[in-house]
Amino acid sequence: MASDNVSTPQSSSATVAVTLPFAKPFPDVSRIEVFVDENFKRWQERVYSLLDIHGVAYALIESQPATTVDVKIQESWQYANKECRHTILQTLSNELFDVFCSCKEAKQIWEALVTKFTAEDATKQKFAMEKYNQWQMTDDREMKAQVTEYQMLLEELKNEEIKLPEKFATGMLIEKLPESWVDYKNNLKHKEENYTIDE
């Protein structure tokens, strides 16, 4: 007869928590703007910084280690790759997500994005510079409207990460004045003070 002091195992419906290796939360991507096709460098820097803080950014550069490498190194890379891949995919537009979700290595996704959008950024920069260089003021349009147009060209350059010094941008605006303003242009050029565009 069993003693009253002996406890018998009872079945429980409670789930037992299992501790998994590397069971850490993924980076919080809520503050990173979803990348569609503009401002790639800004997105790239934000994603890289976040992954770097979590100590996993190396998976964007290093391929999967060979099976002959120590198991701990392999597991560490697998976790880093998973974290990087998750972070990248969660910050892409639906269209880009559909393109890259089948890639299993974060490095592959990262390099493809860099190749595609760095080349596109360079093209946009060239186009913005060409537009700026070719722009000229004319006598047949209101001067105020043309100055506003010039300021918009400068904003376009800024958006492409081309920031002109104020002094240079103002000097170029004076140079772009129409022929009928030649006396005014020369007068401004001979003054010692530096003007801002607004002035």
N, C-alpha and C. Protein backbone atom coordinates (compact mmCIF):
# COMPACT_ATOMS: atom_id res chain seq x y z
N MET A 1 0.85 -1.19 0.00
CA MET A 1 0.00 0.00 0.00
C MET A 1 0.88 1.24 0.00
N ALA A 2 0.59 2.17 -0.87
CA ALA A 2 1.45 3.35 -1.00
C ALA A 2 1.30 4.25 0.20
N SER A 3 2.44 4.84 0.63
CA SER A 3 2.42 5.76 1.75
C SER A 3 1.76 7.07 1.34
N ASP A 4 1.08 7.69 2.33
CA ASP A 4 0.42 8.97 2.03
C ASP A 4 1.42 10.08 1.75
N ASN A 5 2.68 9.88 2.22
CA ASN A 5 3.71 10.91 2.04
C ASN A 5 4.34 10.88 0.65
N VAL A 6 4.11 9.82 -0.11
CA VAL A 6 4.73 9.71 -1.44
C VAL A 6 3.85 10.40 -2.46
N SER A 7 4.42 11.35 -3.16
CA SER A 7 3.63 12.08 -4.17
C SER A 7 3.71 11.35 -5.49
N THR A 8 2.60 11.27 -6.15
CA THR A 8 2.56 10.63 -7.46
C THR A 8 2.54 11.71 -8.53
N PRO A 9 3.23 11.48 -9.67
CA PRO A 9 3.24 12.48 -10.73
C PRO A 9 1.84 12.73 -11.25
N GLN A 10 1.51 13.99 -11.44
CA GLN A 10 0.20 14.34 -11.97
C GLN A 10 0.38 14.99 -13.34
N SER A 11 -0.57 14.73 -14.22
CA SER A 11 -0.49 15.34 -15.55
C SER A 11 -0.89 16.80 -15.44
N SER A 12 -0.23 17.64 -16.20
CA SER A 12 -0.53 19.07 -16.18
C SER A 12 -0.68 19.58 -17.60
N SER A 13 -1.63 20.46 -17.76
CA SER A 13 -1.83 21.03 -19.10
C SER A 13 -0.93 22.25 -19.33
N ALA A 14 -0.20 22.66 -18.28
CA ALA A 14 0.67 23.85 -18.41
C ALA A 14 1.84 23.54 -19.33
N THR A 15 2.15 24.49 -20.20
CA THR A 15 3.27 24.33 -21.14
C THR A 15 4.57 24.69 -20.45
N VAL A 16 5.55 23.85 -20.63
CA VAL A 16 6.85 24.11 -20.04
C VAL A 16 7.66 24.94 -21.02
N ALA A 17 8.21 26.05 -20.53
CA ALA A 17 9.01 26.93 -21.39
C ALA A 17 10.32 26.25 -21.73
N VAL A 18 10.66 26.28 -23.00
CA VAL A 18 11.92 25.67 -23.45
C VAL A 18 12.89 26.78 -23.77
N THR A 19 14.07 26.71 -23.18
CA THR A 19 15.09 27.73 -23.44
C THR A 19 15.84 27.35 -24.70
N LEU A 20 15.77 28.21 -25.69
CA LEU A 20 16.47 27.98 -26.95
C LEU A 20 17.74 28.80 -26.98
N PRO A 21 18.77 28.31 -27.66
CA PRO A 21 19.98 29.13 -27.80
C PRO A 21 19.65 30.38 -28.60
N PHE A 22 20.26 31.50 -28.24
CA PHE A 22 20.08 32.78 -28.93
C PHE A 22 18.63 33.27 -28.90
N ALA A 23 17.87 32.88 -27.85
CA ALA A 23 16.47 33.32 -27.79
C ALA A 23 16.41 34.77 -27.33
N LYS A 24 16.80 35.68 -28.22
CA LYS A 24 16.77 37.11 -27.94
C LYS A 24 15.75 37.76 -28.86
N PRO A 25 15.18 38.89 -28.44
CA PRO A 25 14.22 39.55 -29.34
C PRO A 25 14.94 40.12 -30.57
N PHE A 26 14.24 40.11 -31.69
CA PHE A 26 14.79 40.71 -32.90
C PHE A 26 14.82 42.23 -32.75
N PRO A 27 15.64 42.92 -33.52
CA PRO A 27 15.71 44.38 -33.43
C PRO A 27 14.35 45.02 -33.71
N ASP A 28 14.07 46.12 -33.02
CA ASP A 28 12.84 46.86 -33.21
C ASP A 28 12.99 47.74 -34.46
N VAL A 29 12.27 47.40 -35.50
CA VAL A 29 12.39 48.12 -36.78
C VAL A 29 11.30 49.18 -36.95
N SER A 30 10.50 49.41 -35.90
CA SER A 30 9.36 50.31 -36.03
C SER A 30 9.75 51.75 -36.37
N ARG A 31 10.99 52.14 -36.04
CA ARG A 31 11.41 53.51 -36.31
C ARG A 31 12.09 53.67 -37.67
N ILE A 32 12.26 52.56 -38.39
CA ILE A 32 12.88 52.64 -39.72
C ILE A 32 11.78 52.73 -40.76
N GLU A 33 11.85 53.77 -41.56
CA GLU A 33 10.86 53.99 -42.62
C GLU A 33 10.98 52.86 -43.65
N VAL A 34 9.84 52.34 -44.08
CA VAL A 34 9.84 51.26 -45.07
C VAL A 34 10.47 51.77 -46.36
N PHE A 35 11.43 50.99 -46.88
CA PHE A 35 12.14 51.41 -48.10
C PHE A 35 11.36 50.97 -49.33
N VAL A 36 11.08 51.94 -50.20
CA VAL A 36 10.40 51.65 -51.47
C VAL A 36 11.42 51.73 -52.59
N ASP A 37 11.86 52.94 -52.93
CA ASP A 37 12.91 53.08 -53.95
C ASP A 37 13.61 54.43 -53.87
N GLU A 38 13.40 55.16 -52.77
CA GLU A 38 14.05 56.45 -52.61
C GLU A 38 14.83 56.50 -51.30
N ASN A 39 15.84 57.36 -51.28
CA ASN A 39 16.68 57.55 -50.09
C ASN A 39 17.30 56.23 -49.60
N PHE A 40 17.89 55.50 -50.53
CA PHE A 40 18.47 54.20 -50.20
C PHE A 40 19.59 54.33 -49.17
N LYS A 41 20.47 55.33 -49.33
CA LYS A 41 21.61 55.45 -48.42
C LYS A 41 21.16 55.68 -46.99
N ARG A 42 20.10 56.48 -46.82
CA ARG A 42 19.57 56.74 -45.48
C ARG A 42 19.04 55.43 -44.87
N TRP A 43 18.26 54.68 -45.65
CA TRP A 43 17.71 53.41 -45.19
C TRP A 43 18.85 52.44 -44.86
N GLN A 44 19.83 52.36 -45.74
CA GLN A 44 20.96 51.45 -45.57
C GLN A 44 21.71 51.74 -44.26
N GLU A 45 21.95 53.03 -44.01
CA GLU A 45 22.68 53.42 -42.80
C GLU A 45 21.88 53.09 -41.54
N ARG A 46 20.58 53.31 -41.57
CA ARG A 46 19.74 53.02 -40.40
C ARG A 46 19.68 51.52 -40.10
N VAL A 47 19.50 50.73 -41.14
CA VAL A 47 19.45 49.27 -40.95
C VAL A 47 20.79 48.75 -40.46
N TYR A 48 21.88 49.19 -41.09
CA TYR A 48 23.21 48.72 -40.70
C TYR A 48 23.52 49.09 -39.25
N SER A 49 23.20 50.34 -38.87
CA SER A 49 23.47 50.79 -37.49
C SER A 49 22.71 49.94 -36.48
N LEU A 50 21.45 49.65 -36.77
CA LEU A 50 20.64 48.82 -35.87
C LEU A 50 21.24 47.43 -35.72
N LEU A 51 21.64 46.83 -36.83
CA LEU A 51 22.22 45.48 -36.79
C LEU A 51 23.59 45.48 -36.12
N ASP A 52 24.32 46.56 -36.30
CA ASP A 52 25.64 46.69 -35.69
C ASP A 52 25.51 46.77 -34.16
N ILE A 53 24.52 47.52 -33.69
CA ILE A 53 24.28 47.63 -32.25
C ILE A 53 23.98 46.25 -31.66
N HIS A 54 23.26 45.42 -32.41
CA HIS A 54 22.92 44.06 -31.95
C HIS A 54 24.08 43.07 -32.17
N GLY A 55 25.17 43.55 -32.77
CA GLY A 55 26.36 42.71 -32.95
C GLY A 55 26.24 41.64 -34.00
N VAL A 56 25.35 41.85 -34.99
CA VAL A 56 25.13 40.82 -36.02
C VAL A 56 25.41 41.31 -37.44
N ALA A 57 25.84 42.55 -37.58
CA ALA A 57 26.02 43.14 -38.92
C ALA A 57 27.04 42.37 -39.77
N TYR A 58 27.89 41.58 -39.13
CA TYR A 58 28.91 40.84 -39.89
C TYR A 58 28.28 39.84 -40.88
N ALA A 59 27.04 39.43 -40.62
CA ALA A 59 26.36 38.48 -41.52
C ALA A 59 26.00 39.13 -42.86
N LEU A 60 26.10 40.46 -42.93
CA LEU A 60 25.87 41.16 -44.20
C LEU A 60 27.11 41.09 -45.09
N ILE A 61 28.22 40.73 -44.48
CA ILE A 61 29.51 40.71 -45.20
C ILE A 61 30.05 39.29 -45.36
N GLU A 62 29.84 38.46 -44.33
CA GLU A 62 30.40 37.11 -44.33
C GLU A 62 29.37 36.07 -44.79
N SER A 63 29.83 35.17 -45.67
CA SER A 63 28.96 34.08 -46.13
C SER A 63 28.89 33.00 -45.05
N GLN A 64 27.99 32.06 -45.23
CA GLN A 64 27.83 30.97 -44.27
C GLN A 64 29.14 30.21 -44.12
N PRO A 65 29.59 29.98 -42.88
CA PRO A 65 30.85 29.25 -42.69
C PRO A 65 30.74 27.80 -43.15
N ALA A 66 31.87 27.23 -43.52
CA ALA A 66 31.90 25.84 -43.98
C ALA A 66 31.50 24.90 -42.85
N THR A 67 31.01 23.74 -43.22
CA THR A 67 30.56 22.75 -42.22
C THR A 67 31.71 22.23 -41.36
N THR A 68 32.93 22.45 -41.82
CA THR A 68 34.11 21.99 -41.05
C THR A 68 34.44 22.94 -39.91
N VAL A 69 33.85 24.13 -39.93
CA VAL A 69 34.11 25.13 -38.90
C VAL A 69 33.41 24.73 -37.60
N ASP A 70 33.94 25.19 -36.48
CA ASP A 70 33.38 24.90 -35.15
C ASP A 70 31.86 25.15 -35.13
N VAL A 71 31.13 24.25 -34.46
CA VAL A 71 29.66 24.30 -34.40
C VAL A 71 29.16 25.62 -33.82
N LYS A 72 29.83 26.13 -32.80
CA LYS A 72 29.40 27.38 -32.17
C LYS A 72 29.48 28.55 -33.15
N ILE A 73 30.51 28.56 -33.97
CA ILE A 73 30.67 29.62 -34.98
C ILE A 73 29.54 29.51 -36.01
N GLN A 74 29.22 28.28 -36.41
CA GLN A 74 28.13 28.07 -37.37
C GLN A 74 26.80 28.53 -36.79
N GLU A 75 26.53 28.18 -35.53
CA GLU A 75 25.28 28.58 -34.88
C GLU A 75 25.19 30.09 -34.72
N SER A 76 26.32 30.68 -34.38
CA SER A 76 26.37 32.13 -34.21
C SER A 76 26.05 32.84 -35.53
N TRP A 77 26.64 32.35 -36.62
CA TRP A 77 26.39 32.95 -37.95
C TRP A 77 24.92 32.75 -38.35
N GLN A 78 24.40 31.55 -38.08
CA GLN A 78 23.00 31.27 -38.45
C GLN A 78 22.04 32.22 -37.75
N TYR A 79 22.31 32.47 -36.47
CA TYR A 79 21.46 33.41 -35.74
C TYR A 79 21.61 34.83 -36.30
N ALA A 80 22.86 35.25 -36.53
CA ALA A 80 23.11 36.59 -37.07
C ALA A 80 22.46 36.76 -38.44
N ASN A 81 22.56 35.74 -39.27
CA ASN A 81 21.95 35.77 -40.60
C ASN A 81 20.43 35.91 -40.49
N LYS A 82 19.84 35.14 -39.57
CA LYS A 82 18.39 35.17 -39.37
C LYS A 82 17.94 36.57 -38.93
N GLU A 83 18.69 37.15 -38.01
CA GLU A 83 18.34 38.48 -37.49
C GLU A 83 18.49 39.55 -38.58
N CYS A 84 19.56 39.47 -39.35
CA CYS A 84 19.78 40.43 -40.44
C CYS A 84 18.70 40.29 -41.53
N ARG A 85 18.44 39.06 -41.91
CA ARG A 85 17.44 38.80 -42.96
C ARG A 85 16.06 39.31 -42.53
N HIS A 86 15.69 39.00 -41.30
CA HIS A 86 14.40 39.45 -40.75
C HIS A 86 14.31 40.97 -40.78
N THR A 87 15.37 41.64 -40.32
CA THR A 87 15.36 43.11 -40.23
C THR A 87 15.25 43.74 -41.61
N ILE A 88 16.01 43.22 -42.57
CA ILE A 88 15.96 43.77 -43.94
C ILE A 88 14.56 43.59 -44.52
N LEU A 89 14.05 42.36 -44.47
CA LEU A 89 12.75 42.07 -45.08
C LEU A 89 11.61 42.87 -44.44
N GLN A 90 11.69 43.08 -43.13
CA GLN A 90 10.63 43.82 -42.44
C GLN A 90 10.64 45.31 -42.77
N THR A 91 11.74 45.80 -43.34
CA THR A 91 11.82 47.24 -43.66
C THR A 91 11.75 47.49 -45.17
N LEU A 92 11.35 46.49 -45.94
CA LEU A 92 11.19 46.66 -47.39
C LEU A 92 9.72 46.80 -47.75
N SER A 93 9.46 47.51 -48.85
CA SER A 93 8.09 47.60 -49.36
C SER A 93 7.61 46.21 -49.76
N ASN A 94 6.31 46.05 -49.93
CA ASN A 94 5.74 44.75 -50.32
C ASN A 94 6.34 44.24 -51.63
N GLU A 95 6.55 45.17 -52.58
CA GLU A 95 7.10 44.79 -53.89
C GLU A 95 8.51 44.23 -53.75
N LEU A 96 9.34 44.91 -52.95
CA LEU A 96 10.72 44.44 -52.76
C LEU A 96 10.75 43.18 -51.89
N PHE A 97 9.86 43.11 -50.91
CA PHE A 97 9.76 41.90 -50.08
C PHE A 97 9.49 40.68 -50.97
N ASP A 98 8.56 40.81 -51.91
CA ASP A 98 8.21 39.69 -52.80
C ASP A 98 9.40 39.24 -53.64
N VAL A 99 10.26 40.19 -53.99
CA VAL A 99 11.44 39.88 -54.80
C VAL A 99 12.47 39.11 -53.98
N PHE A 100 12.68 39.53 -52.72
CA PHE A 100 13.80 39.01 -51.94
C PHE A 100 13.46 37.98 -50.86
N CYS A 101 12.17 37.72 -50.62
CA CYS A 101 11.81 36.82 -49.51
C CYS A 101 12.31 35.39 -49.70
N SER A 102 12.56 34.98 -50.94
CA SER A 102 13.04 33.61 -51.18
C SER A 102 14.54 33.46 -50.91
N CYS A 103 15.26 34.57 -50.79
CA CYS A 103 16.71 34.51 -50.49
C CYS A 103 16.91 34.14 -49.03
N LYS A 104 17.74 33.19 -48.77
CA LYS A 104 17.95 32.72 -47.40
C LYS A 104 19.13 33.39 -46.72
N GLU A 105 20.02 34.00 -47.49
CA GLU A 105 21.17 34.67 -46.89
C GLU A 105 20.98 36.19 -46.93
N ALA A 106 21.13 36.82 -45.77
CA ALA A 106 21.00 38.27 -45.67
C ALA A 106 22.03 38.97 -46.56
N LYS A 107 23.22 38.40 -46.62
CA LYS A 107 24.31 38.98 -47.43
C LYS A 107 23.89 39.09 -48.90
N GLN A 108 23.22 38.08 -49.41
CA GLN A 108 22.77 38.06 -50.79
C GLN A 108 21.75 39.18 -51.05
N ILE A 109 20.80 39.35 -50.12
CA ILE A 109 19.79 40.40 -50.24
C ILE A 109 20.45 41.78 -50.18
N TRP A 110 21.33 41.94 -49.20
CA TRP A 110 22.00 43.22 -48.96
C TRP A 110 22.80 43.65 -50.19
N GLU A 111 23.59 42.73 -50.73
CA GLU A 111 24.43 43.05 -51.89
C GLU A 111 23.59 43.37 -53.13
N ALA A 112 22.49 42.65 -53.32
CA ALA A 112 21.61 42.91 -54.46
C ALA A 112 20.99 44.30 -54.36
N LEU A 113 20.57 44.68 -53.16
CA LEU A 113 19.99 46.01 -52.95
C LEU A 113 21.03 47.11 -53.18
N VAL A 114 22.23 46.90 -52.66
CA VAL A 114 23.32 47.88 -52.84
C VAL A 114 23.62 48.07 -54.32
N THR A 115 23.76 46.96 -55.05
CA THR A 115 24.06 47.02 -56.49
C THR A 115 22.96 47.77 -57.24
N LYS A 116 21.71 47.41 -56.97
CA LYS A 116 20.59 48.02 -57.69
C LYS A 116 20.43 49.50 -57.38
N PHE A 117 20.37 49.85 -56.09
CA PHE A 117 19.99 51.21 -55.73
C PHE A 117 21.16 52.18 -55.68
N THR A 118 22.39 51.70 -55.53
CA THR A 118 23.53 52.60 -55.60
C THR A 118 23.69 53.09 -57.03
N ALA A 119 23.51 52.19 -57.98
CA ALA A 119 23.59 52.57 -59.40
C ALA A 119 22.48 53.56 -59.75
N GLU A 120 21.27 53.31 -59.22
CA GLU A 120 20.15 54.20 -59.49
C GLU A 120 20.36 55.57 -58.85
N ASP A 121 20.93 55.59 -57.64
CA ASP A 121 21.23 56.86 -56.97
C ASP A 121 22.21 57.69 -57.78
N ALA A 122 23.24 57.02 -58.33
CA ALA A 122 24.24 57.72 -59.14
C ALA A 122 23.60 58.34 -60.37
N THR A 123 22.67 57.62 -60.99
CA THR A 123 21.96 58.12 -62.17
C THR A 123 21.11 59.34 -61.80
N LYS A 124 20.41 59.25 -60.67
CA LYS A 124 19.58 60.37 -60.21
C LYS A 124 20.44 61.60 -59.90
N GLN A 125 21.61 61.37 -59.30
CA GLN A 125 22.51 62.48 -58.98
C GLN A 125 22.97 63.18 -60.26
N LYS A 126 23.35 62.38 -61.26
CA LYS A 126 23.81 62.97 -62.53
C LYS A 126 22.71 63.79 -63.18
N PHE A 127 21.48 63.25 -63.14
CA PHE A 127 20.34 63.94 -63.74
C PHE A 127 20.08 65.26 -63.02
N ALA A 128 20.12 65.24 -61.67
CA ALA A 128 19.88 66.46 -60.87
C ALA A 128 20.96 67.50 -61.15
N MET A 129 22.22 67.08 -61.27
CA MET A 129 23.32 68.02 -61.55
C MET A 129 23.21 68.62 -62.95
N GLU A 130 22.84 67.78 -63.92
CA GLU A 130 22.68 68.25 -65.29
C GLU A 130 21.56 69.29 -65.37
N LYS A 131 20.45 69.01 -64.68
CA LYS A 131 19.31 69.93 -64.65
C LYS A 131 19.72 71.28 -64.05
N TYR A 132 20.49 71.21 -62.97
CA TYR A 132 20.96 72.43 -62.29
C TYR A 132 21.88 73.23 -63.20
N ASN A 133 22.82 72.56 -63.84
CA ASN A 133 23.79 73.25 -64.70
C ASN A 133 23.14 73.89 -65.91
N GLN A 134 22.13 73.25 -66.47
CA GLN A 134 21.50 73.76 -67.69
C GLN A 134 20.46 74.85 -67.42
N TRP A 135 20.00 74.94 -66.19
CA TRP A 135 18.96 75.91 -65.87
C TRP A 135 19.47 77.33 -66.05
N GLN A 136 18.66 78.19 -66.64
CA GLN A 136 19.05 79.59 -66.88
C GLN A 136 17.83 80.48 -66.72
N MET A 137 18.04 81.67 -66.20
CA MET A 137 16.95 82.63 -66.07
C MET A 137 16.68 83.30 -67.41
N THR A 138 15.44 83.69 -67.61
CA THR A 138 15.07 84.38 -68.86
C THR A 138 14.28 85.65 -68.53
N ASP A 139 14.20 86.55 -69.51
CA ASP A 139 13.48 87.82 -69.32
C ASP A 139 11.97 87.69 -69.43
N ASP A 140 11.52 86.63 -70.03
CA ASP A 140 10.08 86.51 -70.30
C ASP A 140 9.28 85.89 -69.15
N ARG A 141 9.93 85.64 -68.02
CA ARG A 141 9.22 85.07 -66.87
C ARG A 141 9.47 85.91 -65.63
N GLU A 142 8.52 85.87 -64.70
CA GLU A 142 8.65 86.67 -63.48
C GLU A 142 9.88 86.21 -62.68
N MET A 143 10.63 87.19 -62.21
CA MET A 143 11.90 86.92 -61.53
C MET A 143 11.70 86.11 -60.24
N LYS A 144 10.68 86.47 -59.46
CA LYS A 144 10.44 85.79 -58.19
C LYS A 144 10.17 84.29 -58.41
N ALA A 145 9.39 83.99 -59.42
CA ALA A 145 9.05 82.59 -59.74
C ALA A 145 10.30 81.82 -60.14
N GLN A 146 11.21 82.49 -60.85
CA GLN A 146 12.44 81.83 -61.30
C GLN A 146 13.39 81.58 -60.13
N VAL A 147 13.43 82.51 -59.16
CA VAL A 147 14.27 82.31 -57.97
C VAL A 147 13.73 81.12 -57.15
N THR A 148 12.40 81.02 -57.05
CA THR A 148 11.77 79.88 -56.35
C THR A 148 12.13 78.57 -57.06
N GLU A 149 12.12 78.61 -58.38
CA GLU A 149 12.48 77.43 -59.18
C GLU A 149 13.93 77.03 -58.91
N TYR A 150 14.81 78.03 -58.80
CA TYR A 150 16.22 77.78 -58.50
C TYR A 150 16.37 77.13 -57.12
N GLN A 151 15.60 77.63 -56.14
CA GLN A 151 15.66 77.05 -54.79
C GLN A 151 15.18 75.60 -54.79
N MET A 152 14.21 75.31 -55.64
CA MET A 152 13.72 73.92 -55.75
C MET A 152 14.79 73.02 -56.37
N LEU A 153 15.56 73.55 -57.30
CA LEU A 153 16.67 72.77 -57.88
C LEU A 153 17.70 72.45 -56.81
N LEU A 154 17.97 73.43 -55.93
CA LEU A 154 18.92 73.20 -54.84
C LEU A 154 18.40 72.13 -53.87
N GLU A 155 17.09 72.15 -53.61
CA GLU A 155 16.48 71.13 -52.75
C GLU A 155 16.60 69.75 -53.38
N GLU A 156 16.42 69.70 -54.69
CA GLU A 156 16.54 68.43 -55.43
C GLU A 156 17.95 67.88 -55.29
N LEU A 157 18.95 68.77 -55.39
CA LEU A 157 20.35 68.34 -55.21
C LEU A 157 20.56 67.83 -53.78
N LYS A 158 20.00 68.55 -52.81
CA LYS A 158 20.13 68.13 -51.41
C LYS A 158 19.54 66.75 -51.19
N ASN A 159 18.39 66.50 -51.82
CA ASN A 159 17.74 65.18 -51.70
C ASN A 159 18.61 64.07 -52.27
N GLU A 160 19.47 64.43 -53.22
CA GLU A 160 20.39 63.45 -53.80
C GLU A 160 21.76 63.50 -53.10
N GLU A 161 21.75 64.12 -51.91
CA GLU A 161 22.96 64.22 -51.08
C GLU A 161 24.07 65.03 -51.74
N ILE A 162 23.69 66.05 -52.50
CA ILE A 162 24.65 67.00 -53.07
C ILE A 162 24.32 68.36 -52.47
N LYS A 163 25.11 68.78 -51.49
CA LYS A 163 24.83 70.04 -50.81
C LYS A 163 25.86 71.08 -51.26
N LEU A 164 25.37 72.12 -51.92
CA LEU A 164 26.26 73.19 -52.37
C LEU A 164 26.40 74.23 -51.26
N PRO A 165 27.61 74.77 -51.07
CA PRO A 165 27.77 75.83 -50.08
C PRO A 165 26.90 77.04 -50.46
N GLU A 166 26.35 77.70 -49.46
CA GLU A 166 25.45 78.85 -49.68
C GLU A 166 26.10 79.91 -50.57
N LYS A 167 27.37 80.20 -50.29
CA LYS A 167 28.10 81.22 -51.05
C LYS A 167 28.16 80.87 -52.54
N PHE A 168 28.45 79.60 -52.82
CA PHE A 168 28.55 79.13 -54.20
C PHE A 168 27.18 79.18 -54.88
N ALA A 169 26.15 78.67 -54.19
CA ALA A 169 24.80 78.63 -54.76
C ALA A 169 24.29 80.04 -55.06
N THR A 170 24.60 81.01 -54.17
CA THR A 170 24.19 82.40 -54.40
C THR A 170 24.94 82.99 -55.58
N GLY A 171 26.25 82.71 -55.65
CA GLY A 171 27.07 83.20 -56.77
C GLY A 171 26.57 82.66 -58.10
N MET A 172 26.16 81.40 -58.11
CA MET A 172 25.64 80.79 -59.34
C MET A 172 24.30 81.41 -59.74
N LEU A 173 23.47 81.77 -58.75
CA LEU A 173 22.20 82.42 -59.05
C LEU A 173 22.45 83.77 -59.72
N ILE A 174 23.43 84.51 -59.21
CA ILE A 174 23.79 85.81 -59.82
C ILE A 174 24.27 85.60 -61.26
N GLU A 175 25.08 84.56 -61.47
CA GLU A 175 25.59 84.27 -62.82
C GLU A 175 24.47 83.90 -63.78
N LYS A 176 23.41 83.31 -63.26
CA LYS A 176 22.31 82.84 -64.11
C LYS A 176 21.28 83.94 -64.41
N LEU A 177 21.49 85.14 -63.90
CA LEU A 177 20.58 86.25 -64.21
C LEU A 177 20.58 86.50 -65.72
N PRO A 178 19.44 86.92 -66.30
CA PRO A 178 19.38 87.14 -67.75
C PRO A 178 20.24 88.32 -68.20
N GLU A 179 20.49 88.41 -69.50
CA GLU A 179 21.36 89.44 -70.08
C GLU A 179 20.91 90.86 -69.74
N SER A 180 19.61 91.06 -69.67
CA SER A 180 19.10 92.42 -69.40
C SER A 180 19.46 92.89 -67.99
N TRP A 181 19.91 91.99 -67.15
CA TRP A 181 20.28 92.31 -65.77
C TRP A 181 21.81 92.45 -65.62
N VAL A 182 22.51 92.63 -66.70
CA VAL A 182 23.99 92.63 -66.67
C VAL A 182 24.56 93.69 -65.73
N ASP A 183 23.98 94.89 -65.72
CA ASP A 183 24.50 95.96 -64.83
C ASP A 183 24.30 95.59 -63.36
N TYR A 184 23.10 95.06 -63.07
CA TYR A 184 22.79 94.64 -61.70
C TYR A 184 23.72 93.51 -61.28
N LYS A 185 23.94 92.59 -62.21
CA LYS A 185 24.84 91.45 -61.96
C LYS A 185 26.25 91.94 -61.62
N ASN A 186 26.76 92.82 -62.43
CA ASN A 186 28.12 93.35 -62.21
C ASN A 186 28.21 94.11 -60.90
N ASN A 187 27.15 94.85 -60.59
CA ASN A 187 27.11 95.61 -59.34
C ASN A 187 27.20 94.67 -58.14
N LEU A 188 26.45 93.59 -58.17
CA LEU A 188 26.48 92.61 -57.08
C LEU A 188 27.86 91.94 -56.96
N LYS A 189 28.44 91.66 -58.10
CA LYS A 189 29.74 90.95 -58.10
C LYS A 189 30.86 91.81 -57.52
N HIS A 190 30.72 93.14 -57.63
CA HIS A 190 31.77 94.03 -57.14
C HIS A 190 31.59 94.42 -55.67
N LYS A 191 30.48 94.04 -55.09
CA LYS A 191 30.28 94.32 -53.67
C LYS A 191 31.03 93.29 -52.84
N GLU A 192 31.55 93.72 -51.71
CA GLU A 192 32.38 92.84 -50.89
C GLU A 192 31.58 91.83 -50.08
N GLU A 193 30.35 92.21 -49.64
CA GLU A 193 29.60 91.30 -48.76
C GLU A 193 29.07 90.10 -49.55
N ASN A 194 28.90 89.00 -48.82
CA ASN A 194 28.32 87.79 -49.40
C ASN A 194 26.84 87.75 -49.11
N TYR A 195 26.06 87.48 -50.14
CA TYR A 195 24.61 87.44 -49.99
C TYR A 195 24.14 85.99 -49.79
N THR A 196 22.99 85.89 -49.14
CA THR A 196 22.31 84.58 -49.14
C THR A 196 21.35 84.57 -50.31
N ILE A 197 20.80 83.42 -50.65
CA ILE A 197 19.86 83.33 -51.78
C ILE A 197 18.62 84.16 -51.50
N ASP A 198 18.12 84.13 -50.27
CA ASP A 198 16.94 84.91 -49.92
C ASP A 198 17.17 86.40 -50.14
N GLU A 199 18.36 86.86 -49.73
CA GLU A 199 18.67 88.29 -49.92
C GLU A 199 18.74 88.65 -51.38
